[in-house]
């Protein structure tokens, strides 16, 4: 949010919209595979966990330089 400066409200709403879109796509994909067994639920949790670990690793490898304030 710091990089967005004066338009942080817009950035926050776009961030929330993107998060909701990804969650919806993931939920629709897992819901279409539902067959009344707990295997689908367990595999969904496993895939979500692996995805979050991979994304955290990618984020840790990113640019960690300080963000300059917008004037």
Protein backbone atom coordinates (compact mmCIF):
# COMPACT_ATOMS: atom_id res chain seq x y z
CA UNK A 1 0.00 0.00 0.00
CA UNK A 2 2.89 2.38 0.66
CA UNK A 3 3.79 2.44 -3.02
CA UNK A 4 0.31 3.65 -3.95
CA UNK A 5 0.51 6.79 -1.84
CA UNK A 6 -2.49 9.04 -2.34
CA UNK A 7 -4.64 6.38 -3.98
CA UNK A 8 -4.25 3.80 -1.20
CA UNK A 9 -8.03 3.37 -0.92
CA UNK A 10 -8.22 2.35 -4.56
CA UNK A 11 -5.27 0.01 -4.05
CA UNK A 12 -6.92 -1.60 -1.04
CA UNK A 13 -10.16 -2.19 -2.94
CA UNK A 14 -8.30 -3.65 -5.93
CA UNK A 15 -6.32 -5.90 -3.60
CA UNK A 16 -9.52 -7.15 -1.94
CA UNK A 17 -11.22 -7.66 -5.32
CA UNK A 18 -8.27 -9.69 -6.60
CA UNK A 19 -8.25 -11.80 -3.46
CA UNK A 20 -11.98 -12.49 -3.80
CA UNK A 21 -11.58 -13.39 -7.47
CA UNK A 22 -8.82 -15.91 -6.75
CA UNK A 23 -10.83 -17.43 -3.88
CA UNK A 24 -13.93 -17.71 -6.07
CA UNK A 25 -12.05 -19.40 -8.90
CA UNK A 26 -10.44 -21.86 -6.45
CA UNK A 27 -13.80 -22.60 -4.78
CA UNK A 28 -15.59 -23.16 -8.10
CA UNK A 29 -12.84 -25.49 -9.25
CA UNK A 30 -12.96 -27.55 -6.05
CA UNK A 31 -16.77 -27.46 -5.94
CA UNK A 32 -17.08 -28.89 -9.45
CA UNK A 33 -15.05 -31.91 -8.32
CA UNK A 34 -17.20 -32.57 -5.22
CA UNK A 35 -18.40 -36.17 -5.07
CA UNK A 36 -19.75 -36.46 -1.47
CA UNK A 37 -16.46 -37.78 -0.06
CA UNK A 38 -13.98 -36.09 2.29
CA UNK A 39 -11.13 -36.79 -0.15
CA UNK A 40 -11.99 -33.69 -2.17
CA UNK A 41 -11.99 -31.54 0.97
CA UNK A 42 -8.63 -32.92 2.08
CA UNK A 43 -7.09 -32.45 -1.37
CA UNK A 44 -8.40 -28.88 -1.45
CA UNK A 45 -6.75 -28.10 1.88
CA UNK A 46 -3.53 -29.73 0.67
CA UNK A 47 -3.49 -27.75 -2.59
CA UNK A 48 -4.26 -24.50 -0.76
CA UNK A 49 -1.42 -25.17 1.69
CA UNK A 50 1.10 -26.01 -1.03
CA UNK A 51 0.03 -22.96 -3.03
CA UNK A 52 0.46 -20.68 -0.03
CA UNK A 53 3.93 -22.09 0.70
CA UNK A 54 5.00 -21.58 -2.93
CA UNK A 55 3.67 -18.02 -2.98
CA UNK A 56 5.40 -17.24 0.32
CA UNK A 57 8.68 -18.54 -1.12
CA UNK A 58 8.25 -16.39 -4.23
CA UNK A 59 7.51 -13.35 -2.07
CA UNK A 60 10.62 -13.97 0.04
CA UNK A 61 12.77 -13.98 -3.11
CA UNK A 62 11.38 -10.63 -4.27
CA UNK A 63 12.89 -7.17 -4.05
CA UNK A 64 13.21 -6.17 -0.39
CA UNK A 65 14.41 -2.61 -0.95
CA UNK A 66 12.65 0.12 1.04
CA UNK A 67 9.73 1.90 -0.60
CA UNK A 68 10.07 5.65 -1.06
CA UNK A 69 7.18 7.87 0.02
CA UNK A 70 5.11 9.58 -2.66
CA UNK A 71 5.02 13.36 -2.38
